[in-house]
Amino acid sequence: MGFIIDNQLIFLTLFFFAGCVGTAVLLRRRAGHRAWLIADLIWVVLGGLGALGAVLAGVYKADSGQINRQIDVAYAASAAFDRDAARFRLSYCEAPLSDQIVILCDKADFLAASTAENADLPLFIAITGDVSPLSSLRLFGGGEAAQEMMKMADAFDPEQFLVFTARNEETDKALQEIRSDHPQIAADFNILASSYEALIAQVAKLKDEWEFLQANAYILLIQIIALCLVSFAAPFRLGKSVVDIRDR
């Protein structure tokens, strides 16, 4: 299926050329000949199949739009977490005022490192943004790099990030102890923890959207086949109109 998708335009051109050859052969027939009636029937049937393929592709494209929106949400969540983590560390971790704040700073550093050091997270967001499952037309293949990127996206597992919790018993205790004396620090850490949890939730949702589209990628093949059939039948319909005008 990947070969067909990667060479859509070639297949469309070949089918159109085959239709032109068949039409050229039939041009010797007069208007109303049985061959032209059969050609007209072929156009109606294949045109209907093409319309059905277009409807299915439209549904799939709507789902592709959903993953594009989810990519934007995941990017926003990633940017929010990076911003909150940097602000918390710069504001309170240069010279911690207490041991409890040190604990919170260590947790902030750990959460930031868990996403910064693991290249899979930004890589997955980037790949799903660059590789649309609804492939564009290509004249001479060129899908190897895209296929490789799609395999890398398929291999990404957001579950690996769920082992890093934004809060634990130690951080909860530290928050309780500083809440009265340093409410702003406690509030900012809660914002940071919420940003991390939101990031992981949105990336997991993006992964689900990606897998759904990949599981229904066969619709692309149906669309391509339908377009090939229409491109084959179109010259016959044009030829019939030309013959009708010629013999009138």
C-alpha atoms as a PDB file:
ATOM      1  CA  MET A   1       0.000   0.000   0.000  1.00  0.00           C
ATOM      2  CA  GLY A   2       2.870   2.340   0.787  1.00  0.00           C
ATOM      3  CA  PHE A   3       4.224   2.016  -2.769  1.00  0.00           C
ATOM      4  CA  ILE A   4       0.877   3.006  -4.270  1.00  0.00           C
ATOM      5  CA  ILE A   5       0.455   5.971  -1.928  1.00  0.00           C
ATOM      6  CA  ASP A   6       4.003   7.165  -2.584  1.00  0.00           C
ATOM      7  CA  ASN A   7       3.440   7.091  -6.379  1.00  0.00           C
ATOM      8  CA  GLN A   8      -0.124   8.343  -6.664  1.00  0.00           C
ATOM      9  CA  LEU A   9       0.482  10.768  -9.508  1.00  0.00           C
ATOM     10  CA  ILE A  10       2.270   8.146 -11.598  1.00  0.00           C
ATOM     11  CA  PHE A  11      -0.670   5.757 -11.295  1.00  0.00           C
ATOM     12  CA  LEU A  12      -3.171   8.509 -12.092  1.00  0.00           C
ATOM     13  CA  THR A  13      -1.149   9.480 -15.179  1.00  0.00           C
ATOM     14  CA  LEU A  14      -0.859   5.882 -16.376  1.00  0.00           C
ATOM     15  CA  PHE A  15      -4.596   5.260 -16.032  1.00  0.00           C
ATOM     16  CA  PHE A  16      -5.392   8.518 -17.815  1.00  0.00           C
ATOM     17  CA  PHE A  17      -2.989   7.621 -20.628  1.00  0.00           C
ATOM     18  CA  ALA A  18      -4.605   4.183 -20.943  1.00  0.00           C
ATOM     19  CA  GLY A  19      -8.008   5.855 -21.180  1.00  0.00           C
ATOM     20  CA  CYS A  20      -6.711   8.202 -23.880  1.00  0.00           C
ATOM     21  CA  VAL A  21      -5.390   5.250 -25.902  1.00  0.00           C
ATOM     22  CA  GLY A  22      -8.748   3.482 -25.634  1.00  0.00           C
ATOM     23  CA  THR A  23     -10.569   6.651 -26.634  1.00  0.00           C
ATOM     24  CA  ALA A  24      -8.306   7.122 -29.648  1.00  0.00           C
ATOM     25  CA  VAL A  25      -9.223   3.624 -30.813  1.00  0.00           C
ATOM     26  CA  LEU A  26     -12.952   4.315 -30.428  1.00  0.00           C
ATOM     27  CA  LEU A  27     -12.805   7.636 -32.275  1.00  0.00           C
ATOM     28  CA  ARG A  28     -13.121   5.680 -35.508  1.00  0.00           C
ATOM     29  CA  ARG A  29     -16.620   4.635 -34.446  1.00  0.00           C
ATOM     30  CA  ARG A  30     -19.604   6.798 -35.261  1.00  0.00           C
ATOM     31  CA  ALA A  31     -21.799   8.403 -32.624  1.00  0.00           C
ATOM     32  CA  GLY A  32     -24.405   6.034 -31.229  1.00  0.00           C
ATOM     33  CA  HIS A  33     -22.252   2.978 -31.791  1.00  0.00           C
ATOM     34  CA  ARG A  34     -22.512   0.274 -29.127  1.00  0.00           C
ATOM     35  CA  ALA A  35     -18.888   0.898 -28.108  1.00  0.00           C
ATOM     36  CA  TRP A  36     -19.681   4.507 -27.200  1.00  0.00           C
ATOM     37  CA  LEU A  37     -22.737   3.434 -25.214  1.00  0.00           C
ATOM     38  CA  ILE A  38     -20.562   1.030 -23.229  1.00  0.00           C
ATOM     39  CA  ALA A  39     -17.951   3.775 -22.743  1.00  0.00           C
ATOM     40  CA  ASP A  40     -20.669   6.094 -21.406  1.00  0.00           C
ATOM     41  CA  LEU A  41     -21.820   3.390 -19.004  1.00  0.00           C
ATOM     42  CA  ILE A  42     -18.240   2.905 -17.827  1.00  0.00           C
ATOM     43  CA  TRP A  43     -17.982   6.639 -17.136  1.00  0.00           C
ATOM     44  CA  VAL A  44     -21.181   6.614 -15.056  1.00  0.00           C
ATOM     45  CA  VAL A  45     -20.120   3.562 -13.010  1.00  0.00           C
ATOM     46  CA  LEU A  46     -16.538   4.634 -12.426  1.00  0.00           C
ATOM     47  CA  GLY A  47     -17.615   8.204 -11.750  1.00  0.00           C
ATOM     48  CA  GLY A  48     -19.939   6.920  -9.032  1.00  0.00           C
ATOM     49  CA  LEU A  49     -17.098   4.917  -7.488  1.00  0.00           C
ATOM     50  CA  GLY A  50     -14.907   8.010  -7.615  1.00  0.00           C
ATOM     51  CA  ALA A  51     -17.572  10.035  -5.802  1.00  0.00           C
ATOM     52  CA  LEU A  52     -17.789   7.356  -3.102  1.00  0.00           C
ATOM     53  CA  GLY A  53     -14.024   7.408  -2.695  1.00  0.00           C
ATOM     54  CA  ALA A  54     -14.103  11.194  -2.388  1.00  0.00           C
ATOM     55  CA  VAL A  55     -16.706  10.969   0.396  1.00  0.00           C
ATOM     56  CA  LEU A  56     -14.605   8.447   2.325  1.00  0.00           C
ATOM     57  CA  ALA A  57     -11.503  10.562   1.844  1.00  0.00           C
ATOM     58  CA  GLY A  58     -13.399  13.597   3.119  1.00  0.00           C
ATOM     59  CA  VAL A  59     -14.205  11.791   6.364  1.00  0.00           C
ATOM     60  CA  TYR A  60     -10.576  10.749   6.730  1.00  0.00           C
ATOM     61  CA  LYS A  61      -9.389  14.277   6.010  1.00  0.00           C
ATOM     62  CA  ALA A  62     -11.663  15.595   8.756  1.00  0.00           C
ATOM     63  CA  ASP A  63      -9.967  13.179  11.148  1.00  0.00           C
ATOM     64  CA  SER A  64      -6.602  14.429   9.888  1.00  0.00           C
ATOM     65  CA  GLY A  65      -7.723  17.943  10.804  1.00  0.00           C
ATOM     66  CA  GLN A  66      -8.387  16.700  14.323  1.00  0.00           C
ATOM     67  CA  ILE A  67      -4.810  15.489  14.725  1.00  0.00           C
ATOM     68  CA  ASN A  68      -3.551  18.847  13.462  1.00  0.00           C
ATOM     69  CA  ARG A  69      -5.526  20.579  16.184  1.00  0.00           C
ATOM     70  CA  GLN A  70      -4.203  18.097  18.739  1.00  0.00           C
ATOM     71  CA  ILE A  71      -0.635  18.831  17.609  1.00  0.00           C
ATOM     72  CA  ASP A  72      -1.253  22.524  18.302  1.00  0.00           C
ATOM     73  CA  VAL A  73      -2.587  21.673  21.758  1.00  0.00           C
ATOM     74  CA  ALA A  74       0.419  19.439  22.490  1.00  0.00           C
ATOM     75  CA  TYR A  75       2.823  22.159  21.354  1.00  0.00           C
ATOM     76  CA  ALA A  76       1.049  24.675  23.588  1.00  0.00           C
ATOM     77  CA  ALA A  77       1.221  22.285  26.559  1.00  0.00           C
ATOM     78  CA  SER A  78       4.927  21.679  25.928  1.00  0.00           C
ATOM     79  CA  ALA A  79       5.639  25.400  25.716  1.00  0.00           C
ATOM     80  CA  ALA A  80       3.612  26.082  28.878  1.00  0.00           C
ATOM     81  CA  PHE A  81       5.530  23.446  30.840  1.00  0.00           C
ATOM     82  CA  ASP A  82       8.919  24.714  29.640  1.00  0.00           C
ATOM     83  CA  ARG A  83       7.935  28.260  30.549  1.00  0.00           C
ATOM     84  CA  ASP A  84       6.624  27.331  33.990  1.00  0.00           C
ATOM     85  CA  ALA A  85       9.635  25.145  34.765  1.00  0.00           C
ATOM     86  CA  ALA A  86      12.106  27.852  33.732  1.00  0.00           C
ATOM     87  CA  ARG A  87      10.266  30.534  35.711  1.00  0.00           C
ATOM     88  CA  PHE A  88      10.089  28.398  38.867  1.00  0.00           C
ATOM     89  CA  ARG A  89      13.766  27.439  38.742  1.00  0.00           C
ATOM     90  CA  LEU A  90      14.939  30.986  38.063  1.00  0.00           C
ATOM     91  CA  SER A  91      12.710  32.499  40.726  1.00  0.00           C
ATOM     92  CA  TYR A  92      13.261  30.129  43.613  1.00  0.00           C
ATOM     93  CA  CYS A  93      16.105  27.704  42.931  1.00  0.00           C
ATOM     94  CA  GLU A  94      19.088  30.026  42.582  1.00  0.00           C
ATOM     95  CA  ALA A  95      19.183  30.536  46.358  1.00  0.00           C
ATOM     96  CA  PRO A  96      16.565  28.312  48.061  1.00  0.00           C
ATOM     97  CA  LEU A  97      15.180  29.771  51.268  1.00  0.00           C
ATOM     98  CA  SER A  98      14.603  26.427  53.011  1.00  0.00           C
ATOM     99  CA  ASP A  99      15.093  22.689  52.736  1.00  0.00           C
ATOM    100  CA  GLN A 100      11.499  22.307  51.622  1.00  0.00           C
ATOM    101  CA  ILE A 101      12.095  24.621  48.669  1.00  0.00           C
ATOM    102  CA  VAL A 102      15.200  22.583  47.807  1.00  0.00           C
ATOM    103  CA  ILE A 103      12.953  19.521  47.556  1.00  0.00           C
ATOM    104  CA  LEU A 104      10.581  21.358  45.231  1.00  0.00           C
ATOM    105  CA  CYS A 105      13.479  22.638  43.128  1.00  0.00           C
ATOM    106  CA  ASP A 106      14.902  19.121  42.817  1.00  0.00           C
ATOM    107  CA  LYS A 107      11.498  17.914  41.637  1.00  0.00           C
ATOM    108  CA  ALA A 108      11.238  20.762  39.133  1.00  0.00           C
ATOM    109  CA  ASP A 109      14.705  19.928  37.792  1.00  0.00           C
ATOM    110  CA  PHE A 110      13.762  16.255  37.542  1.00  0.00           C
ATOM    111  CA  LEU A 111      10.541  16.941  35.635  1.00  0.00           C
ATOM    112  CA  ALA A 112      12.305  19.324  33.248  1.00  0.00           C
ATOM    113  CA  ALA A 113      15.073  16.779  32.673  1.00  0.00           C
ATOM    114  CA  SER A 114      12.577  13.967  32.067  1.00  0.00           C
ATOM    115  CA  THR A 115      11.270  15.771  28.987  1.00  0.00           C
ATOM    116  CA  ALA A 116      14.458  17.532  27.887  1.00  0.00           C
ATOM    117  CA  GLU A 117      16.743  14.485  27.996  1.00  0.00           C
ATOM    118  CA  ASN A 118      14.266  12.091  26.398  1.00  0.00           C
ATOM    119  CA  ALA A 119      14.273  13.113  22.748  1.00  0.00           C
ATOM    120  CA  ASP A 120      11.209  10.965  21.993  1.00  0.00           C
ATOM    121  CA  LEU A 121       8.740  13.527  23.328  1.00  0.00           C
ATOM    122  CA  PRO A 122       9.609  16.554  21.145  1.00  0.00           C
ATOM    123  CA  LEU A 123      10.477  14.180  18.300  1.00  0.00           C
ATOM    124  CA  PHE A 124       7.019  12.615  18.334  1.00  0.00           C
ATOM    125  CA  ILE A 125       5.284  15.997  18.322  1.00  0.00           C
ATOM    126  CA  ALA A 126       7.500  17.161  15.458  1.00  0.00           C
ATOM    127  CA  ILE A 127       7.037  13.990  13.403  1.00  0.00           C
ATOM    128  CA  THR A 128       3.255  13.938  13.702  1.00  0.00           C
ATOM    129  CA  GLY A 129       3.255  17.550  12.599  1.00  0.00           C
ATOM    130  CA  ASP A 130       5.533  16.991   9.599  1.00  0.00           C
ATOM    131  CA  VAL A 131       4.168  13.642   8.397  1.00  0.00           C
ATOM    132  CA  SER A 132       0.492  13.838   7.558  1.00  0.00           C
ATOM    133  CA  PRO A 133      -1.134  10.425   7.108  1.00  0.00           C
ATOM    134  CA  LEU A 134      -3.139  11.972   4.283  1.00  0.00           C
ATOM    135  CA  SER A 135      -0.186  11.861   1.864  1.00  0.00           C
ATOM    136  CA  SER A 136       0.219  14.467  -0.836  1.00  0.00           C
ATOM    137  CA  LEU A 137       0.730  13.651  -4.509  1.00  0.00           C
ATOM    138  CA  ARG A 138       4.265  12.675  -5.447  1.00  0.00           C
ATOM    139  CA  LEU A 139       5.638  12.411  -8.961  1.00  0.00           C
ATOM    140  CA  PHE A 140       8.702  10.263  -8.347  1.00  0.00           C
ATOM    141  CA  GLY A 141       8.238   8.409  -5.080  1.00  0.00           C
ATOM    142  CA  GLY A 142      10.295  10.022  -2.319  1.00  0.00           C
ATOM    143  CA  GLY A 143       8.293   8.439   0.486  1.00  0.00           C
ATOM    144  CA  GLU A 144      11.137   6.536   2.152  1.00  0.00           C
ATOM    145  CA  ALA A 145      12.011   9.342   4.562  1.00  0.00           C
ATOM    146  CA  ALA A 146       8.353   9.916   5.446  1.00  0.00           C
ATOM    147  CA  GLN A 147       7.821   6.193   6.026  1.00  0.00           C
ATOM    148  CA  GLU A 148      10.837   6.103   8.334  1.00  0.00           C
ATOM    149  CA  MET A 149       9.534   9.073  10.323  1.00  0.00           C
ATOM    150  CA  MET A 150       6.109   7.433  10.601  1.00  0.00           C
ATOM    151  CA  LYS A 151       7.735   4.289  12.006  1.00  0.00           C
ATOM    152  CA  MET A 152       9.506   6.409  14.617  1.00  0.00           C
ATOM    153  CA  ALA A 153       6.201   8.026  15.584  1.00  0.00           C
ATOM    154  CA  ASP A 154       4.534   4.610  15.839  1.00  0.00           C
ATOM    155  CA  ALA A 155       7.307   3.449  18.187  1.00  0.00           C
ATOM    156  CA  PHE A 156       6.768   6.351  20.604  1.00  0.00           C
ATOM    157  CA  ASP A 157       5.169   5.291  23.882  1.00  0.00           C
ATOM    158  CA  PRO A 158       3.843   8.051  26.186  1.00  0.00           C
ATOM    159  CA  GLU A 159       3.508   5.499  28.989  1.00  0.00           C
ATOM    160  CA  GLN A 160       7.229   5.868  29.679  1.00  0.00           C
ATOM    161  CA  PHE A 161       6.574   9.384  30.962  1.00  0.00           C
ATOM    162  CA  LEU A 162       3.830   8.309  33.339  1.00  0.00           C
ATOM    163  CA  VAL A 163       6.423   6.825  35.685  1.00  0.00           C
ATOM    164  CA  PHE A 164       7.501  10.398  36.457  1.00  0.00           C
ATOM    165  CA  THR A 165       4.821  11.817  38.735  1.00  0.00           C
ATOM    166  CA  ALA A 166       4.624  15.565  39.221  1.00  0.00           C
ATOM    167  CA  ARG A 167       3.850  15.093  42.914  1.00  0.00           C
ATOM    168  CA  ASN A 168       4.848  12.519  45.478  1.00  0.00           C
ATOM    169  CA  GLU A 169       4.739  12.137  49.246  1.00  0.00           C
ATOM    170  CA  GLU A 170       7.907  14.155  49.731  1.00  0.00           C
ATOM    171  CA  THR A 171       6.787  17.096  47.612  1.00  0.00           C
ATOM    172  CA  ASP A 172       3.318  17.081  49.175  1.00  0.00           C
ATOM    173  CA  LYS A 173       4.874  17.284  52.618  1.00  0.00           C
ATOM    174  CA  ALA A 174       7.157  20.130  51.536  1.00  0.00           C
ATOM    175  CA  LEU A 175       4.189  22.005  50.066  1.00  0.00           C
ATOM    176  CA  GLN A 176       2.263  21.653  53.302  1.00  0.00           C
ATOM    177  CA  GLU A 177       5.170  23.033  55.312  1.00  0.00           C
ATOM    178  CA  ILE A 178       5.799  26.113  53.142  1.00  0.00           C
ATOM    179  CA  ARG A 179       2.201  26.941  52.276  1.00  0.00           C
ATOM    180  CA  SER A 180       1.770  29.298  55.231  1.00  0.00           C
ATOM    181  CA  ASP A 181       5.150  31.083  54.957  1.00  0.00           C
ATOM    182  CA  HIS A 182       5.621  30.997  51.170  1.00  0.00           C
ATOM    183  CA  PRO A 183       2.198  30.632  49.533  1.00  0.00           C
ATOM    184  CA  GLN A 184       3.435  32.026  46.221  1.00  0.00           C
ATOM    185  CA  ILE A 185       6.117  29.332  45.908  1.00  0.00           C
ATOM    186  CA  ALA A 186       3.599  26.613  46.703  1.00  0.00           C
ATOM    187  CA  ALA A 187       1.174  28.035  44.142  1.00  0.00           C
ATOM    188  CA  ASP A 188       3.849  28.280  41.450  1.00  0.00           C
ATOM    189  CA  PHE A 189       4.929  24.680  42.033  1.00  0.00           C
ATOM    190  CA  ASN A 190       1.322  23.522  41.749  1.00  0.00           C
ATOM    191  CA  ILE A 191       1.111  25.381  38.432  1.00  0.00           C
ATOM    192  CA  LEU A 192       4.309  23.675  37.294  1.00  0.00           C
ATOM    193  CA  ALA A 193       3.008  20.243  38.314  1.00  0.00           C
ATOM    194  CA  SER A 194      -0.288  20.865  36.541  1.00  0.00           C
ATOM    195  CA  SER A 195       1.562  21.934  33.386  1.00  0.00           C
ATOM    196  CA  TYR A 196       3.555  18.702  33.405  1.00  0.00           C
ATOM    197  CA  GLU A 197       0.460  16.564  33.881  1.00  0.00           C
ATOM    198  CA  ALA A 198      -1.340  18.470  31.112  1.00  0.00           C
ATOM    199  CA  LEU A 199       1.613  17.962  28.778  1.00  0.00           C
ATOM    200  CA  ILE A 200       1.680  14.202  29.300  1.00  0.00           C
ATOM    201  CA  ALA A 201      -2.114  13.966  28.930  1.00  0.00           C
ATOM    202  CA  GLN A 202      -2.106  15.901  25.646  1.00  0.00           C
ATOM    203  CA  VAL A 203       0.785  13.903  24.186  1.00  0.00           C
ATOM    204  CA  ALA A 204      -0.978  10.650  25.120  1.00  0.00           C
ATOM    205  CA  LYS A 205      -4.115  11.929  23.374  1.00  0.00           C
ATOM    206  CA  LEU A 206      -2.034  12.872  20.338  1.00  0.00           C
ATOM    207  CA  LYS A 207      -0.644   9.350  20.251  1.00  0.00           C
ATOM    208  CA  ASP A 208      -4.206   7.946  20.293  1.00  0.00           C
ATOM    209  CA  GLU A 209      -5.231  10.231  17.410  1.00  0.00           C
ATOM    210  CA  TRP A 210      -2.168   9.171  15.430  1.00  0.00           C
ATOM    211  CA  GLU A 211      -2.876   5.465  15.930  1.00  0.00           C
ATOM    212  CA  PHE A 212      -6.505   5.961  14.873  1.00  0.00           C
ATOM    213  CA  LEU A 213      -5.472   7.584  11.615  1.00  0.00           C
ATOM    214  CA  GLN A 214      -2.850   4.949  10.927  1.00  0.00           C
ATOM    215  CA  ALA A 215      -5.383   2.180  11.529  1.00  0.00           C
ATOM    216  CA  ASN A 216      -7.698   3.747   8.926  1.00  0.00           C
ATOM    217  CA  ALA A 217      -5.043   4.586   6.354  1.00  0.00           C
ATOM    218  CA  TYR A 218      -6.567   2.008   3.986  1.00  0.00           C
ATOM    219  CA  ILE A 219      -9.106   4.710   3.085  1.00  0.00           C
ATOM    220  CA  LEU A 220      -6.267   6.432   1.239  1.00  0.00           C
ATOM    221  CA  LEU A 221      -5.880   3.367  -0.949  1.00  0.00           C
ATOM    222  CA  ILE A 222      -9.608   3.384  -1.723  1.00  0.00           C
ATOM    223  CA  GLN A 223      -9.388   7.050  -2.666  1.00  0.00           C
ATOM    224  CA  ILE A 224      -6.423   6.481  -4.968  1.00  0.00           C
ATOM    225  CA  ILE A 225      -8.094   3.528  -6.694  1.00  0.00           C
ATOM    226  CA  ALA A 226     -11.269   5.559  -7.218  1.00  0.00           C
ATOM    227  CA  LEU A 227      -9.317   8.480  -8.681  1.00  0.00           C
ATOM    228  CA  CYS A 228      -7.432   6.116 -10.997  1.00  0.00           C
ATOM    229  CA  LEU A 229     -10.720   4.677 -12.269  1.00  0.00           C
ATOM    230  CA  VAL A 230     -12.137   8.155 -12.877  1.00  0.00           C
ATOM    231  CA  SER A 231      -8.955   9.245 -14.677  1.00  0.00           C
ATOM    232  CA  PHE A 232      -9.278   6.170 -16.884  1.00  0.00           C
ATOM    233  CA  ALA A 233     -12.937   6.822 -17.724  1.00  0.00           C
ATOM    234  CA  ALA A 234     -12.695  10.600 -18.240  1.00  0.00           C
ATOM    235  CA  PRO A 235     -11.143  10.431 -21.760  1.00  0.00           C
ATOM    236  CA  PHE A 236     -13.977   8.140 -22.913  1.00  0.00           C
ATOM    237  CA  ARG A 237     -16.577  10.681 -21.815  1.00  0.00           C
ATOM    238  CA  LEU A 238     -14.674  13.459 -23.557  1.00  0.00           C
ATOM    239  CA  GLY A 239     -14.302  11.323 -26.679  1.00  0.00           C
ATOM    240  CA  LYS A 240     -18.041  10.608 -26.762  1.00  0.00           C
ATOM    241  CA  SER A 241     -18.790  14.335 -26.639  1.00  0.00           C
ATOM    242  CA  VAL A 242     -16.314  14.989 -29.447  1.00  0.00           C
ATOM    243  CA  VAL A 243     -17.858  12.255 -31.623  1.00  0.00           C
ATOM    244  CA  ASP A 244     -21.378  13.516 -30.958  1.00  0.00           C
ATOM    245  CA  ILE A 245     -20.343  16.979 -32.165  1.00  0.00           C
ATOM    246  CA  ARG A 246     -18.399  15.580 -35.127  1.00  0.00           C
ATOM    247  CA  ASP A 247     -21.208  13.376 -36.448  1.00  0.00           C
ATOM    248  CA  ARG A 248     -24.086  15.742 -35.819  1.00  0.00           C
END
